[in-house]
Amino acid sequence: MKYQKLNRFSDSEFKRLVGVPRPVFSEMVEVLKEAESLKKKSGRPHTLAIEDQLLLTLNYLRNYSTQLELAANYHIAESNVNRTIKKVEDALMKSRRFTLPKRSITTADEQFNWVIIDATECSIERPKKNQSKFYSGKKKKHTLKAQVIYHPKSKQIIGVDISSGSQHDIKLARKTVKKFKHCEYVMTDLGYYGLEQDGFKLLMPIKKKKNLPLFDVEKKYNKMIGKIRVVIEHINSQLKTFRILSERYRNRRKRFGLRINLIAALVNRMNLQ
């Protein structure tokens, strides 16, 4: 897939093929061209144009093809594919135009002074060392856990935090409590019940007690909470349209945080379009 061949497609078809809208793609190309112009060392020019380098990277994140397949499709060496992906990812993150909000979004209106928190898990290959650290009892496999903090007022993801799969959701939340300590209310599922001890007012479903049915008022409350909270499930679904997060992660874990933050920033841009 070369950029020149995509001109004949409409904007909706372009997004379906590439994964991001045409205006966002154009802005990413501008960032890469600016980074290329600031390079001090000169050398042999890249075989692919900047647009095609970006397409290769988005293809990798979206479809998670092997780098050997991409090398065959773009007629370059496999090592060159790896260097190109890293170069594009690093340039986008260093520009600060495709990162999450640097400061937590606050508002004086108490009605919107709240966030929604949820955690999702991404499977990884079995580690050679410390296997129990990454084994998730919930998923019954080795995973990395990603905690997503979503601000409904601004319709943006304001934080993504990573931990090993064996760590409980609330332990990860307590480690990253600074990112949402300004919010008076936090909407969560029942796994975050202990956050009340940290001074937060939780908006969460009412748990049914043993042998005691819920009252109609409690059922209506749970239904209302579910309708509001479902937005975080949609956000997790949008993140996992990039198959690098939904399929088993084959790469080294040290770049996982960078990639999920980049994808979260792209999701923010698409939601604000």
C-alpha atoms as a PDB file:
ATOM      1  CA  MET A   1       0.000   0.000   0.000  1.00  0.00           C
ATOM      2  CA  LYS A   2       1.647   3.201  -1.232  1.00  0.00           C
ATOM      3  CA  TYR A   3       0.416   6.713  -0.467  1.00  0.00           C
ATOM      4  CA  GLN A   4       0.053   7.710  -4.124  1.00  0.00           C
ATOM      5  CA  LYS A   5      -2.476   4.939  -4.684  1.00  0.00           C
ATOM      6  CA  LEU A   6      -4.670   6.173  -1.807  1.00  0.00           C
ATOM      7  CA  ASN A   7      -5.580   9.486  -3.436  1.00  0.00           C
ATOM      8  CA  ARG A   8      -8.456   7.909  -5.333  1.00  0.00           C
ATOM      9  CA  PHE A   9     -10.186   6.797  -2.120  1.00  0.00           C
ATOM     10  CA  SER A  10     -12.729   8.922  -0.248  1.00  0.00           C
ATOM     11  CA  ASP A  11     -12.027  10.217   3.283  1.00  0.00           C
ATOM     12  CA  SER A  12     -14.089   7.456   4.907  1.00  0.00           C
ATOM     13  CA  GLU A  13     -12.351   4.762   2.845  1.00  0.00           C
ATOM     14  CA  PHE A  14      -8.971   6.322   3.646  1.00  0.00           C
ATOM     15  CA  LYS A  15      -9.654   6.016   7.371  1.00  0.00           C
ATOM     16  CA  ARG A  16     -10.782   2.409   6.977  1.00  0.00           C
ATOM     17  CA  LEU A  17      -7.615   1.534   5.072  1.00  0.00           C
ATOM     18  CA  VAL A  18      -5.035   3.486   7.067  1.00  0.00           C
ATOM     19  CA  GLY A  19      -6.598   3.628  10.542  1.00  0.00           C
ATOM     20  CA  VAL A  20      -6.586   7.419  10.986  1.00  0.00           C
ATOM     21  CA  PRO A  21      -8.469  10.237   9.178  1.00  0.00           C
ATOM     22  CA  ARG A  22      -6.762  12.065   6.327  1.00  0.00           C
ATOM     23  CA  PRO A  23      -6.248  15.356   8.298  1.00  0.00           C
ATOM     24  CA  VAL A  24      -4.555  13.471  11.160  1.00  0.00           C
ATOM     25  CA  PHE A  25      -2.363  11.613   8.663  1.00  0.00           C
ATOM     26  CA  SER A  26      -1.335  14.908   7.044  1.00  0.00           C
ATOM     27  CA  GLU A  27      -0.411  16.352  10.438  1.00  0.00           C
ATOM     28  CA  MET A  28       1.689  13.296  11.230  1.00  0.00           C
ATOM     29  CA  VAL A  29       3.514  13.719   7.907  1.00  0.00           C
ATOM     30  CA  GLU A  30       4.273  17.360   8.821  1.00  0.00           C
ATOM     31  CA  VAL A  31       5.775  16.238  12.127  1.00  0.00           C
ATOM     32  CA  LEU A  32       7.972  13.655  10.390  1.00  0.00           C
ATOM     33  CA  LYS A  33       9.144  16.151   7.766  1.00  0.00           C
ATOM     34  CA  GLU A  34      10.031  18.638  10.494  1.00  0.00           C
ATOM     35  CA  ALA A  35      11.979  15.961  12.383  1.00  0.00           C
ATOM     36  CA  GLU A  36      13.765  14.997   9.163  1.00  0.00           C
ATOM     37  CA  SER A  37      14.784  18.600   8.492  1.00  0.00           C
ATOM     38  CA  LEU A  38      16.326  18.891  11.976  1.00  0.00           C
ATOM     39  CA  LYS A  39      18.608  15.900  11.493  1.00  0.00           C
ATOM     40  CA  LYS A  40      22.265  16.896  11.721  1.00  0.00           C
ATOM     41  CA  LYS A  41      23.837  13.787  10.228  1.00  0.00           C
ATOM     42  CA  SER A  42      23.523  13.289   6.513  1.00  0.00           C
ATOM     43  CA  GLY A  43      23.449   9.897   4.918  1.00  0.00           C
ATOM     44  CA  ARG A  44      21.872   7.813   2.233  1.00  0.00           C
ATOM     45  CA  PRO A  45      18.215   8.815   1.785  1.00  0.00           C
ATOM     46  CA  HIS A  46      15.504   6.357   2.738  1.00  0.00           C
ATOM     47  CA  THR A  47      14.135   4.139  -0.012  1.00  0.00           C
ATOM     48  CA  LEU A  48      10.564   5.104   0.925  1.00  0.00           C
ATOM     49  CA  ALA A  49       9.013   8.546   0.952  1.00  0.00           C
ATOM     50  CA  ILE A  50       7.998   9.942   4.350  1.00  0.00           C
ATOM     51  CA  GLU A  51       4.312   9.246   3.615  1.00  0.00           C
ATOM     52  CA  ASP A  52       5.108   5.613   2.875  1.00  0.00           C
ATOM     53  CA  GLN A  53       7.239   5.321   6.022  1.00  0.00           C
ATOM     54  CA  LEU A  54       4.238   6.493   8.032  1.00  0.00           C
ATOM     55  CA  LEU A  55       1.951   4.088   6.187  1.00  0.00           C
ATOM     56  CA  LEU A  56       4.316   1.226   6.976  1.00  0.00           C
ATOM     57  CA  THR A  57       4.287   2.139  10.686  1.00  0.00           C
ATOM     58  CA  LEU A  58       0.492   2.488  10.847  1.00  0.00           C
ATOM     59  CA  ASN A  59       0.137  -0.797   8.972  1.00  0.00           C
ATOM     60  CA  TYR A  60       2.336  -2.441  11.600  1.00  0.00           C
ATOM     61  CA  LEU A  61       0.367  -0.988  14.536  1.00  0.00           C
ATOM     62  CA  ARG A  62      -3.045  -1.572  12.962  1.00  0.00           C
ATOM     63  CA  ASN A  63      -2.625  -5.014  11.379  1.00  0.00           C
ATOM     64  CA  TYR A  64       0.420  -6.239  13.333  1.00  0.00           C
ATOM     65  CA  SER A  65       1.883  -7.997  10.322  1.00  0.00           C
ATOM     66  CA  THR A  66       5.340  -9.468  10.828  1.00  0.00           C
ATOM     67  CA  GLN A  67       8.242  -7.258   9.867  1.00  0.00           C
ATOM     68  CA  LEU A  68       9.293  -9.834   7.289  1.00  0.00           C
ATOM     69  CA  GLU A  69       5.894  -9.482   5.573  1.00  0.00           C
ATOM     70  CA  LEU A  70       6.231  -5.695   5.565  1.00  0.00           C
ATOM     71  CA  ALA A  71       9.746  -5.993   4.151  1.00  0.00           C
ATOM     72  CA  ALA A  72       8.418  -8.108   1.274  1.00  0.00           C
ATOM     73  CA  ASN A  73       5.474  -5.739   0.640  1.00  0.00           C
ATOM     74  CA  TYR A  74       7.556  -2.546   0.651  1.00  0.00           C
ATOM     75  CA  HIS A  75      10.639  -4.093  -1.030  1.00  0.00           C
ATOM     76  CA  ILE A  76      13.106  -3.148   1.698  1.00  0.00           C
ATOM     77  CA  ALA A  77      15.231  -5.115   4.160  1.00  0.00           C
ATOM     78  CA  GLU A  78      13.659  -6.455   7.348  1.00  0.00           C
ATOM     79  CA  SER A  79      16.160  -4.508   9.481  1.00  0.00           C
ATOM     80  CA  ASN A  80      15.158  -1.337   7.616  1.00  0.00           C
ATOM     81  CA  VAL A  81      11.507  -1.980   8.524  1.00  0.00           C
ATOM     82  CA  ASN A  82      12.442  -2.181  12.196  1.00  0.00           C
ATOM     83  CA  ARG A  83      14.484   1.044  12.059  1.00  0.00           C
ATOM     84  CA  THR A  84      11.718   2.870  10.177  1.00  0.00           C
ATOM     85  CA  ILE A  85       9.016   1.927  12.703  1.00  0.00           C
ATOM     86  CA  LYS A  86      11.148   3.036  15.656  1.00  0.00           C
ATOM     87  CA  LYS A  87      12.121   6.290  13.921  1.00  0.00           C
ATOM     88  CA  VAL A  88       8.509   7.214  13.130  1.00  0.00           C
ATOM     89  CA  GLU A  89       7.245   6.322  16.626  1.00  0.00           C
ATOM     90  CA  ASP A  90      10.016   8.290  18.350  1.00  0.00           C
ATOM     91  CA  ALA A  91       9.536  11.352  16.119  1.00  0.00           C
ATOM     92  CA  LEU A  92       5.783  11.463  16.791  1.00  0.00           C
ATOM     93  CA  MET A  93       6.242  11.139  20.549  1.00  0.00           C
ATOM     94  CA  LYS A  94       9.058  13.719  20.753  1.00  0.00           C
ATOM     95  CA  SER A  95       6.969  16.277  18.885  1.00  0.00           C
ATOM     96  CA  ARG A  96       4.484  16.379  21.830  1.00  0.00           C
ATOM     97  CA  ARG A  97       1.675  16.786  19.277  1.00  0.00           C
ATOM     98  CA  PHE A  98       0.747  13.115  19.486  1.00  0.00           C
ATOM     99  CA  THR A  99       0.912  12.530  23.206  1.00  0.00           C
ATOM    100  CA  LEU A 100      -1.665  12.540  25.977  1.00  0.00           C
ATOM    101  CA  PRO A 101      -2.432  15.852  27.744  1.00  0.00           C
ATOM    102  CA  LYS A 102       0.645  16.809  29.750  1.00  0.00           C
ATOM    103  CA  ARG A 103      -1.384  18.161  32.661  1.00  0.00           C
ATOM    104  CA  SER A 104      -4.550  16.617  33.968  1.00  0.00           C
ATOM    105  CA  ILE A 105      -7.634  18.415  32.677  1.00  0.00           C
ATOM    106  CA  THR A 106      -9.464  20.211  35.462  1.00  0.00           C
ATOM    107  CA  THR A 107     -12.659  22.205  35.534  1.00  0.00           C
ATOM    108  CA  ALA A 108     -14.295  24.455  38.091  1.00  0.00           C
ATOM    109  CA  ASP A 109     -17.694  22.928  37.389  1.00  0.00           C
ATOM    110  CA  GLU A 110     -18.204  20.168  39.967  1.00  0.00           C
ATOM    111  CA  GLN A 111     -20.712  18.492  37.683  1.00  0.00           C
ATOM    112  CA  PHE A 112     -17.852  17.492  35.363  1.00  0.00           C
ATOM    113  CA  ASN A 113     -15.103  17.137  37.955  1.00  0.00           C
ATOM    114  CA  TRP A 114     -14.875  13.369  37.572  1.00  0.00           C
ATOM    115  CA  VAL A 115     -13.144  10.652  35.546  1.00  0.00           C
ATOM    116  CA  ILE A 116     -13.798   7.048  34.539  1.00  0.00           C
ATOM    117  CA  ILE A 117     -11.126   4.440  35.235  1.00  0.00           C
ATOM    118  CA  ASP A 118     -10.839   0.943  33.848  1.00  0.00           C
ATOM    119  CA  ALA A 119      -8.093  -1.570  33.150  1.00  0.00           C
ATOM    120  CA  THR A 120      -7.636  -3.817  30.152  1.00  0.00           C
ATOM    121  CA  GLU A 121      -5.120  -6.594  29.573  1.00  0.00           C
ATOM    122  CA  CYS A 122      -2.961  -7.356  26.541  1.00  0.00           C
ATOM    123  CA  SER A 123      -1.549 -10.842  26.152  1.00  0.00           C
ATOM    124  CA  ILE A 124       2.200 -11.314  25.719  1.00  0.00           C
ATOM    125  CA  GLU A 125       4.471 -14.233  24.952  1.00  0.00           C
ATOM    126  CA  ARG A 126       5.526 -16.324  27.910  1.00  0.00           C
ATOM    127  CA  PRO A 127       8.523 -14.588  29.548  1.00  0.00           C
ATOM    128  CA  LYS A 128      11.732 -16.500  30.034  1.00  0.00           C
ATOM    129  CA  LYS A 129      12.112 -15.082  33.551  1.00  0.00           C
ATOM    130  CA  ASN A 130       9.652 -14.026  36.284  1.00  0.00           C
ATOM    131  CA  GLN A 131       6.730 -15.800  34.639  1.00  0.00           C
ATOM    132  CA  SER A 132       4.527 -15.556  37.724  1.00  0.00           C
ATOM    133  CA  LYS A 133       4.915 -11.760  37.715  1.00  0.00           C
ATOM    134  CA  PHE A 134       3.139 -11.497  34.360  1.00  0.00           C
ATOM    135  CA  TYR A 135       0.620 -14.325  34.766  1.00  0.00           C
ATOM    136  CA  SER A 136      -2.957 -13.069  35.017  1.00  0.00           C
ATOM    137  CA  GLY A 137      -5.263 -15.278  37.052  1.00  0.00           C
ATOM    138  CA  LYS A 138      -8.238 -13.579  35.406  1.00  0.00           C
ATOM    139  CA  LYS A 139      -7.144 -14.185  31.797  1.00  0.00           C
ATOM    140  CA  LYS A 140      -5.271 -17.431  32.539  1.00  0.00           C
ATOM    141  CA  LYS A 141      -2.279 -16.295  30.476  1.00  0.00           C
ATOM    142  CA  HIS A 142       0.676 -13.912  30.612  1.00  0.00           C
ATOM    143  CA  THR A 143      -0.386 -10.302  30.124  1.00  0.00           C
ATOM    144  CA  LEU A 144       0.473  -6.646  30.522  1.00  0.00           C
ATOM    145  CA  LYS A 145      -2.181  -4.544  32.247  1.00  0.00           C
ATOM    146  CA  ALA A 146      -3.075  -1.095  30.942  1.00  0.00           C
ATOM    147  CA  GLN A 147      -5.088   1.302  33.104  1.00  0.00           C
ATOM    148  CA  VAL A 148      -7.032   3.904  31.110  1.00  0.00           C
ATOM    149  CA  ILE A 149      -8.188   7.188  32.702  1.00  0.00           C
ATOM    150  CA  TYR A 150     -10.904   8.920  30.662  1.00  0.00           C
ATOM    151  CA  HIS A 151     -12.263  12.444  31.164  1.00  0.00           C
ATOM    152  CA  PRO A 152     -15.887  12.578  29.891  1.00  0.00           C
ATOM    153  CA  LYS A 153     -16.118  16.384  29.739  1.00  0.00           C
ATOM    154  CA  SER A 154     -13.207  16.767  27.312  1.00  0.00           C
ATOM    155  CA  LYS A 155     -13.798  13.336  25.683  1.00  0.00           C
ATOM    156  CA  GLN A 156     -10.106  12.536  26.053  1.00  0.00           C
ATOM    157  CA  ILE A 157      -7.912   9.858  27.558  1.00  0.00           C
ATOM    158  CA  ILE A 158      -5.808  11.717  30.130  1.00  0.00           C
ATOM    159  CA  GLY A 159      -3.646   8.835  31.319  1.00  0.00           C
ATOM    160  CA  VAL A 160      -2.478   5.328  30.441  1.00  0.00           C
ATOM    161  CA  ASP A 161      -0.437   3.370  32.991  1.00  0.00           C
ATOM    162  CA  ILE A 162       1.213  -0.016  32.529  1.00  0.00           C
ATOM    163  CA  SER A 163       1.879  -2.841  34.969  1.00  0.00           C
ATOM    164  CA  SER A 164       2.400  -6.602  34.941  1.00  0.00           C
ATOM    165  CA  GLY A 165      -0.623  -8.845  34.536  1.00  0.00           C
ATOM    166  CA  SER A 166      -0.525 -10.258  38.070  1.00  0.00           C
ATOM    167  CA  GLN A 167      -1.025  -6.851  39.718  1.00  0.00           C
ATOM    168  CA  HIS A 168      -4.549  -6.039  40.881  1.00  0.00           C
ATOM    169  CA  ASP A 169      -6.363  -3.096  39.311  1.00  0.00           C
ATOM    170  CA  ILE A 170      -6.627  -1.150  42.567  1.00  0.00           C
ATOM    171  CA  LYS A 171      -2.894  -1.474  43.302  1.00  0.00           C
ATOM    172  CA  LEU A 172      -2.123   0.104  39.942  1.00  0.00           C
ATOM    173  CA  ALA A 173      -4.693   2.855  40.624  1.00  0.00           C
ATOM    174  CA  ARG A 174      -3.113   3.663  43.985  1.00  0.00           C
ATOM    175  CA  LYS A 175       0.306   3.984  42.338  1.00  0.00           C
ATOM    176  CA  THR A 176      -1.042   6.481  39.816  1.00  0.00           C
ATOM    177  CA  VAL A 177      -3.497   8.337  42.059  1.00  0.00           C
ATOM    178  CA  LYS A 178      -1.732  11.674  41.364  1.00  0.00           C
ATOM    179  CA  LYS A 179      -3.175  11.761  37.854  1.00  0.00           C
ATOM    180  CA  PHE A 180      -6.751  12.057  39.086  1.00  0.00           C
ATOM    181  CA  LYS A 181      -6.425  13.312  42.668  1.00  0.00           C
ATOM    182  CA  HIS A 182      -7.947  16.656  41.599  1.00  0.00           C
ATOM    183  CA  CYS A 183     -11.221  14.897  40.718  1.00  0.00           C
ATOM    184  CA  GLU A 184     -13.836  14.683  43.414  1.00  0.00           C
ATOM    185  CA  TYR A 185     -15.662  11.734  41.817  1.00  0.00           C
ATOM    186  CA  VAL A 186     -14.262   8.601  40.191  1.00  0.00           C
ATOM    187  CA  MET A 187     -16.469   6.179  38.261  1.00  0.00           C
ATOM    188  CA  THR A 188     -15.215   2.595  38.435  1.00  0.00           C
ATOM    189  CA  ASP A 189     -16.311  -1.008  38.593  1.00  0.00           C
ATOM    190  CA  LEU A 190     -16.465  -2.982  41.846  1.00  0.00           C
ATOM    191  CA  GLY A 191     -12.754  -3.861  41.652  1.00  0.00           C
ATOM    192  CA  TYR A 192     -11.825  -0.358  42.822  1.00  0.00           C
ATOM    193  CA  TYR A 193     -13.960  -0.372  45.986  1.00  0.00           C
ATOM    194  CA  GLY A 194     -10.944   0.292  48.232  1.00  0.00           C
ATOM    195  CA  LEU A 195     -10.303   3.714  46.686  1.00  0.00           C
ATOM    196  CA  GLU A 196     -12.809   5.118  49.154  1.00  0.00           C
ATOM    197  CA  GLN A 197     -10.084   4.797  51.791  1.00  0.00           C
ATOM    198  CA  ASP A 198      -7.947   7.190  49.720  1.00  0.00           C
ATOM    199  CA  GLY A 199     -10.543   9.939  49.970  1.00  0.00           C
ATOM    200  CA  PHE A 200     -12.374   9.498  46.650  1.00  0.00           C
ATOM    201  CA  LYS A 201     -16.108   9.521  46.146  1.00  0.00           C
ATOM    202  CA  LEU A 202     -16.781   6.490  43.984  1.00  0.00           C
ATOM    203  CA  LEU A 203     -19.577   6.139  41.465  1.00  0.00           C
ATOM    204  CA  MET A 204     -19.925   2.386  41.113  1.00  0.00           C
ATOM    205  CA  PRO A 205     -22.651  -0.270  40.852  1.00  0.00           C
ATOM    206  CA  ILE A 206     -24.360  -1.571  43.984  1.00  0.00           C
ATOM    207  CA  LYS A 207     -23.338  -5.150  44.632  1.00  0.00           C
ATOM    208  CA  LYS A 208     -26.093  -7.685  45.264  1.00  0.00           C
ATOM    209  CA  LYS A 209     -25.844  -9.297  48.696  1.00  0.00           C
ATOM    210  CA  LYS A 210     -26.212 -13.007  49.220  1.00  0.00           C
ATOM    211  CA  ASN A 211     -29.863 -14.143  49.285  1.00  0.00           C
ATOM    212  CA  LEU A 212     -31.033 -10.511  49.167  1.00  0.00           C
ATOM    213  CA  PRO A 213     -32.348  -9.168  45.837  1.00  0.00           C
ATOM    214  CA  LEU A 214     -31.739  -5.576  44.816  1.00  0.00           C
ATOM    215  CA  PHE A 215     -34.527  -3.043  45.185  1.00  0.00           C
ATOM    216  CA  ASP A 216     -35.969  -1.443  42.066  1.00  0.00           C
ATOM    217  CA  VAL A 217     -34.263   1.852  42.909  1.00  0.00           C
ATOM    218  CA  GLU A 218     -30.892   0.075  43.166  1.00  0.00           C
ATOM    219  CA  LYS A 219     -31.480  -1.674  39.839  1.00  0.00           C
ATOM    220  CA  LYS A 220     -32.271   1.664  38.170  1.00  0.00           C
ATOM    221  CA  TYR A 221     -29.135   3.184  39.703  1.00  0.00           C
ATOM    222  CA  ASN A 222     -26.974   0.312  38.416  1.00  0.00           C
ATOM    223  CA  LYS A 223     -28.505   0.673  34.963  1.00  0.00           C
ATOM    224  CA  MET A 224     -27.797   4.416  34.948  1.00  0.00           C
ATOM    225  CA  ILE A 225     -24.170   3.830  36.030  1.00  0.00           C
ATOM    226  CA  GLY A 226     -23.764   1.181  33.336  1.00  0.00           C
ATOM    227  CA  LYS A 227     -25.029   3.499  30.589  1.00  0.00           C
ATOM    228  CA  ILE A 228     -22.507   6.172  31.569  1.00  0.00           C
ATOM    229  CA  ARG A 229     -19.601   3.832  32.228  1.00  0.00           C
ATOM    230  CA  VAL A 230     -19.946   1.974  28.906  1.00  0.00           C
ATOM    231  CA  VAL A 231     -17.977   4.782  27.242  1.00  0.00           C
ATOM    232  CA  ILE A 232     -14.726   3.448  28.768  1.00  0.00           C
ATOM    233  CA  GLU A 233     -15.464   0.050  27.206  1.00  0.00           C
ATOM    234  CA  HIS A 234     -15.843   1.781  23.833  1.00  0.00           C
ATOM    235  CA  ILE A 235     -12.493   3.514  24.390  1.00  0.00           C
ATOM    236  CA  ASN A 236     -10.822   0.168  25.148  1.00  0.00           C
ATOM    237  CA  SER A 237     -12.396  -1.209  21.973  1.00  0.00           C
ATOM    238  CA  GLN A 238     -11.022   1.720  19.956  1.00  0.00           C
ATOM    239  CA  LEU A 239      -7.545   1.112  21.363  1.00  0.00           C
ATOM    240  CA  LYS A 240      -7.716  -2.540  20.412  1.00  0.00           C
ATOM    241  CA  THR A 241      -8.689  -1.855  16.805  1.00  0.00           C
ATOM    242  CA  PHE A 242      -4.906  -1.538  16.581  1.00  0.00           C
ATOM    243  CA  ARG A 243      -4.122  -5.238  16.579  1.00  0.00           C
ATOM    244  CA  ILE A 244      -0.750  -4.770  18.214  1.00  0.00           C
ATOM    245  CA  LEU A 245      -2.782  -4.378  21.438  1.00  0.00           C
ATOM    246  CA  SER A 246      -5.452  -7.010  20.785  1.00  0.00           C
ATOM    247  CA  GLU A 247      -3.213  -9.840  19.552  1.00  0.00           C
ATOM    248  CA  ARG A 248      -0.380 -11.467  21.472  1.00  0.00           C
ATOM    249  CA  TYR A 249       2.389  -8.885  21.791  1.00  0.00           C
ATOM    250  CA  ARG A 250       5.525 -10.352  20.204  1.00  0.00           C
ATOM    251  CA  ASN A 251       7.958  -7.477  20.766  1.00  0.00           C
ATOM    252  CA  ARG A 252      10.108  -6.535  23.712  1.00  0.00           C
ATOM    253  CA  ARG A 253       8.042  -5.125  26.551  1.00  0.00           C
ATOM    254  CA  LYS A 254      10.109  -1.948  26.986  1.00  0.00           C
ATOM    255  CA  ARG A 255       8.423  -0.223  23.996  1.00  0.00           C
ATOM    256  CA  PHE A 256       4.897  -1.312  24.912  1.00  0.00           C
ATOM    257  CA  GLY A 257       4.254   1.798  27.028  1.00  0.00           C
ATOM    258  CA  LEU A 258       5.382   4.128  24.234  1.00  0.00           C
ATOM    259  CA  ARG A 259       3.157   2.408  21.683  1.00  0.00           C
ATOM    260  CA  ILE A 260      -0.004   2.312  23.763  1.00  0.00           C
ATOM    261  CA  ASN A 261       0.444   6.006  24.661  1.00  0.00           C
ATOM    262  CA  LEU A 262       0.874   6.864  20.970  1.00  0.00           C
ATOM    263  CA  ILE A 263      -2.236   4.869  20.050  1.00  0.00           C
ATOM    264  CA  ALA A 264      -4.198   6.533  22.877  1.00  0.00           C
ATOM    265  CA  ALA A 265      -3.182   9.955  21.530  1.00  0.00           C
ATOM    266  CA  LEU A 266      -4.397   8.934  18.064  1.00  0.00           C
ATOM    267  CA  VAL A 267      -7.721   7.805  19.540  1.00  0.00           C
ATOM    268  CA  ASN A 268      -8.046  11.215  21.237  1.00  0.00           C
ATOM    269  CA  ARG A 269      -7.443  12.970  17.919  1.00  0.00           C
ATOM    270  CA  MET A 270     -10.015  10.825  16.134  1.00  0.00           C
ATOM    271  CA  ASN A 271     -12.646  11.425  18.829  1.00  0.00           C
ATOM    272  CA  LEU A 272     -12.151  15.194  18.563  1.00  0.00           C
ATOM    273  CA  GLN A 273     -12.531  15.219  14.787  1.00  0.00           C
END
